[in-house]
Amino acid sequence: MEKHNQNKECKNIIEQLCEELNESVNSPFCTEVQRHLEQCSQCRVFVDSIRTTVFFCKNLVDEDVPRSIDDHLWKILKLKKPE
């Protein structure tokens, strides 16, 4: 079983997860999530990927896309373009 040294960032993530689920950080559910993450490298990788995705989404620069590219993407994705 792999050991994971939990740092402040890990604890913050557990707290945020529990808050989102309306759980106390000391609840059995959150304690179990924390224990699992300490032991499961695959889940830690998954949580890290989510954290990275959220970071990039929060830090996206809002840029205008040229109309031709925008139209092309909607067509490729076979989605109806919002009006």
N, C-alpha and C. Protein backbone atom coordinates (compact mmCIF):
# COMPACT_ATOMS: atom_id res chain seq x y z
N MET A 1 0.84 -1.17 0.00
CA MET A 1 0.00 0.00 0.00
C MET A 1 0.89 1.24 0.00
N GLU A 2 0.61 2.17 -0.89
CA GLU A 2 1.41 3.37 -1.05
C GLU A 2 1.00 4.41 -0.02
N LYS A 3 1.99 5.06 0.59
CA LYS A 3 1.71 6.12 1.55
C LYS A 3 1.78 7.47 0.84
N HIS A 4 0.94 8.38 1.31
CA HIS A 4 0.89 9.71 0.73
C HIS A 4 1.03 10.72 1.86
N ASN A 5 2.02 11.57 1.78
CA ASN A 5 2.18 12.61 2.79
C ASN A 5 1.23 13.74 2.44
N GLN A 6 0.30 13.96 3.33
CA GLN A 6 -0.73 14.95 3.06
C GLN A 6 -0.20 16.34 3.41
N ASN A 7 -0.29 17.25 2.47
CA ASN A 7 0.15 18.61 2.72
C ASN A 7 -1.07 19.51 2.88
N LYS A 8 -0.83 20.79 3.05
CA LYS A 8 -1.91 21.75 3.27
C LYS A 8 -2.89 21.77 2.09
N GLU A 9 -2.36 21.68 0.89
CA GLU A 9 -3.22 21.70 -0.31
C GLU A 9 -4.17 20.50 -0.32
N CYS A 10 -3.66 19.34 0.04
CA CYS A 10 -4.51 18.14 0.10
C CYS A 10 -5.64 18.34 1.10
N LYS A 11 -5.31 18.87 2.25
CA LYS A 11 -6.32 19.11 3.28
C LYS A 11 -7.37 20.10 2.78
N ASN A 12 -6.92 21.13 2.08
CA ASN A 12 -7.86 22.11 1.53
C ASN A 12 -8.82 21.46 0.53
N ILE A 13 -8.30 20.56 -0.27
CA ILE A 13 -9.14 19.88 -1.26
C ILE A 13 -10.18 19.02 -0.56
N ILE A 14 -9.77 18.29 0.45
CA ILE A 14 -10.72 17.47 1.21
C ILE A 14 -11.80 18.36 1.82
N GLU A 15 -11.39 19.48 2.40
CA GLU A 15 -12.35 20.40 3.00
C GLU A 15 -13.32 20.93 1.96
N GLN A 16 -12.81 21.32 0.81
CA GLN A 16 -13.67 21.86 -0.24
C GLN A 16 -14.64 20.80 -0.75
N LEU A 17 -14.14 19.59 -0.94
CA LEU A 17 -15.00 18.49 -1.39
C LEU A 17 -16.12 18.26 -0.39
N CYS A 18 -15.77 18.21 0.87
CA CYS A 18 -16.77 17.97 1.90
C CYS A 18 -17.77 19.12 1.98
N GLU A 19 -17.28 20.34 1.86
CA GLU A 19 -18.18 21.49 1.87
C GLU A 19 -19.17 21.43 0.71
N GLU A 20 -18.68 21.06 -0.47
CA GLU A 20 -19.55 20.94 -1.63
C GLU A 20 -20.63 19.88 -1.42
N LEU A 21 -20.29 18.87 -0.65
CA LEU A 21 -21.24 17.79 -0.39
C LEU A 21 -22.02 18.02 0.90
N ASN A 22 -21.87 19.22 1.46
CA ASN A 22 -22.54 19.58 2.71
C ASN A 22 -22.21 18.60 3.83
N GLU A 23 -20.95 18.25 3.91
CA GLU A 23 -20.47 17.33 4.94
C GLU A 23 -19.46 18.04 5.82
N SER A 24 -19.42 17.69 7.08
CA SER A 24 -18.38 18.17 7.98
C SER A 24 -17.08 17.46 7.61
N VAL A 25 -15.98 18.17 7.73
CA VAL A 25 -14.68 17.58 7.41
C VAL A 25 -14.42 16.36 8.30
N ASN A 26 -15.02 16.35 9.46
CA ASN A 26 -14.82 15.24 10.40
C ASN A 26 -15.90 14.17 10.27
N SER A 27 -16.77 14.31 9.30
CA SER A 27 -17.84 13.32 9.12
C SER A 27 -17.24 11.98 8.69
N PRO A 28 -17.95 10.89 8.92
CA PRO A 28 -17.44 9.59 8.47
C PRO A 28 -17.16 9.55 6.97
N PHE A 29 -18.03 10.19 6.20
CA PHE A 29 -17.82 10.20 4.75
C PHE A 29 -16.49 10.87 4.39
N CYS A 30 -16.26 12.07 4.91
CA CYS A 30 -15.04 12.80 4.57
C CYS A 30 -13.80 12.12 5.12
N THR A 31 -13.92 11.53 6.27
CA THR A 31 -12.81 10.78 6.83
C THR A 31 -12.46 9.60 5.92
N GLU A 32 -13.47 8.94 5.41
CA GLU A 32 -13.24 7.81 4.51
C GLU A 32 -12.63 8.27 3.18
N VAL A 33 -13.10 9.39 2.66
CA VAL A 33 -12.53 9.93 1.41
C VAL A 33 -11.05 10.25 1.64
N GLN A 34 -10.76 10.90 2.74
CA GLN A 34 -9.38 11.25 3.05
C GLN A 34 -8.52 9.99 3.19
N ARG A 35 -9.00 9.01 3.88
CA ARG A 35 -8.26 7.76 4.06
C ARG A 35 -8.01 7.10 2.70
N HIS A 36 -9.04 7.09 1.88
CA HIS A 36 -8.90 6.46 0.57
C HIS A 36 -7.84 7.18 -0.27
N LEU A 37 -7.90 8.51 -0.28
CA LEU A 37 -6.94 9.27 -1.07
C LEU A 37 -5.52 9.09 -0.57
N GLU A 38 -5.36 8.87 0.71
CA GLU A 38 -4.03 8.62 1.25
C GLU A 38 -3.46 7.30 0.72
N GLN A 39 -4.32 6.36 0.39
CA GLN A 39 -3.88 5.02 0.02
C GLN A 39 -3.96 4.73 -1.48
N CYS A 40 -4.70 5.52 -2.21
CA CYS A 40 -4.97 5.19 -3.61
C CYS A 40 -4.34 6.21 -4.56
N SER A 41 -3.27 5.81 -5.19
CA SER A 41 -2.59 6.73 -6.10
C SER A 41 -3.44 7.06 -7.33
N GLN A 42 -4.24 6.12 -7.79
CA GLN A 42 -5.09 6.39 -8.96
C GLN A 42 -6.10 7.49 -8.66
N CYS A 43 -6.70 7.45 -7.49
CA CYS A 43 -7.66 8.49 -7.13
C CYS A 43 -6.97 9.83 -6.92
N ARG A 44 -5.78 9.80 -6.37
CA ARG A 44 -5.03 11.05 -6.21
C ARG A 44 -4.74 11.66 -7.56
N VAL A 45 -4.35 10.83 -8.53
CA VAL A 45 -4.09 11.32 -9.88
C VAL A 45 -5.37 11.92 -10.46
N PHE A 46 -6.48 11.24 -10.26
CA PHE A 46 -7.76 11.74 -10.75
C PHE A 46 -8.10 13.09 -10.11
N VAL A 47 -7.97 13.18 -8.80
CA VAL A 47 -8.25 14.44 -8.10
C VAL A 47 -7.30 15.53 -8.58
N ASP A 48 -6.04 15.19 -8.79
CA ASP A 48 -5.08 16.17 -9.31
C ASP A 48 -5.48 16.66 -10.70
N SER A 49 -5.97 15.75 -11.53
CA SER A 49 -6.39 16.16 -12.88
C SER A 49 -7.61 17.09 -12.81
N ILE A 50 -8.50 16.81 -11.89
CA ILE A 50 -9.66 17.70 -11.72
C ILE A 50 -9.19 19.06 -11.23
N ARG A 51 -8.29 19.06 -10.27
CA ARG A 51 -7.76 20.32 -9.74
C ARG A 51 -7.11 21.14 -10.86
N THR A 52 -6.33 20.49 -11.71
CA THR A 52 -5.67 21.17 -12.82
C THR A 52 -6.69 21.72 -13.80
N THR A 53 -7.70 20.92 -14.10
CA THR A 53 -8.76 21.37 -15.02
C THR A 53 -9.48 22.60 -14.47
N VAL A 54 -9.83 22.56 -13.20
CA VAL A 54 -10.51 23.69 -12.57
C VAL A 54 -9.61 24.92 -12.61
N PHE A 55 -8.34 24.74 -12.31
CA PHE A 55 -7.40 25.86 -12.34
C PHE A 55 -7.40 26.52 -13.73
N PHE A 56 -7.26 25.70 -14.76
CA PHE A 56 -7.20 26.25 -16.11
C PHE A 56 -8.53 26.90 -16.51
N CYS A 57 -9.62 26.31 -16.11
CA CYS A 57 -10.93 26.90 -16.43
C CYS A 57 -11.11 28.25 -15.75
N LYS A 58 -10.65 28.35 -14.53
CA LYS A 58 -10.77 29.62 -13.79
C LYS A 58 -9.85 30.69 -14.37
N ASN A 59 -8.79 30.27 -15.04
CA ASN A 59 -7.80 31.22 -15.53
C ASN A 59 -7.81 31.38 -17.04
N LEU A 60 -8.89 30.98 -17.66
CA LEU A 60 -9.00 31.15 -19.11
C LEU A 60 -9.10 32.62 -19.46
N VAL A 61 -8.48 32.96 -20.54
CA VAL A 61 -8.58 34.32 -21.05
C VAL A 61 -9.74 34.35 -22.03
N ASP A 62 -10.61 35.29 -21.83
CA ASP A 62 -11.77 35.41 -22.70
C ASP A 62 -11.38 36.16 -23.97
N GLU A 63 -11.24 35.40 -25.04
CA GLU A 63 -10.85 36.00 -26.31
C GLU A 63 -11.92 35.72 -27.36
N ASP A 64 -12.08 36.66 -28.24
CA ASP A 64 -13.02 36.46 -29.33
C ASP A 64 -12.43 35.48 -30.34
N VAL A 65 -13.27 34.56 -30.76
CA VAL A 65 -12.85 33.60 -31.77
C VAL A 65 -13.35 34.13 -33.12
N PRO A 66 -12.51 34.09 -34.13
CA PRO A 66 -12.98 34.54 -35.44
C PRO A 66 -14.26 33.80 -35.84
N ARG A 67 -15.17 34.51 -36.45
CA ARG A 67 -16.47 33.95 -36.82
C ARG A 67 -16.35 32.68 -37.66
N SER A 68 -15.43 32.66 -38.60
CA SER A 68 -15.28 31.49 -39.46
C SER A 68 -14.90 30.24 -38.66
N ILE A 69 -14.02 30.41 -37.68
CA ILE A 69 -13.62 29.28 -36.84
C ILE A 69 -14.78 28.87 -35.93
N ASP A 70 -15.46 29.84 -35.36
CA ASP A 70 -16.61 29.56 -34.52
C ASP A 70 -17.67 28.77 -35.29
N ASP A 71 -18.01 29.23 -36.46
CA ASP A 71 -19.01 28.53 -37.29
C ASP A 71 -18.55 27.11 -37.62
N HIS A 72 -17.29 26.98 -37.95
CA HIS A 72 -16.73 25.67 -38.31
C HIS A 72 -16.80 24.69 -37.13
N LEU A 73 -16.46 25.16 -35.93
CA LEU A 73 -16.50 24.30 -34.74
C LEU A 73 -17.93 23.83 -34.45
N TRP A 74 -18.88 24.72 -34.55
CA TRP A 74 -20.28 24.32 -34.31
C TRP A 74 -20.71 23.26 -35.31
N LYS A 75 -20.28 23.43 -36.55
CA LYS A 75 -20.63 22.47 -37.59
C LYS A 75 -19.98 21.11 -37.33
N ILE A 76 -18.70 21.10 -36.99
CA ILE A 76 -17.98 19.85 -36.72
C ILE A 76 -18.60 19.12 -35.53
N LEU A 77 -18.95 19.87 -34.51
CA LEU A 77 -19.52 19.27 -33.30
C LEU A 77 -20.99 18.88 -33.47
N LYS A 78 -21.54 19.25 -34.62
CA LYS A 78 -22.94 18.94 -34.93
C LYS A 78 -23.88 19.44 -33.84
N LEU A 79 -23.62 20.70 -33.44
CA LEU A 79 -24.45 21.34 -32.42
C LEU A 79 -25.10 22.58 -33.01
N LYS A 80 -26.24 22.89 -32.48
CA LYS A 80 -26.92 24.12 -32.92
C LYS A 80 -26.30 25.30 -32.20
N LYS A 81 -25.90 26.27 -32.98
CA LYS A 81 -25.27 27.45 -32.44
C LYS A 81 -26.32 28.32 -31.75
N PRO A 82 -26.05 28.71 -30.50
CA PRO A 82 -27.02 29.57 -29.80
C PRO A 82 -27.13 30.92 -30.49
N GLU A 83 -28.28 31.45 -30.44
CA GLU A 83 -28.52 32.76 -31.08
C GLU A 83 -28.05 33.88 -30.19
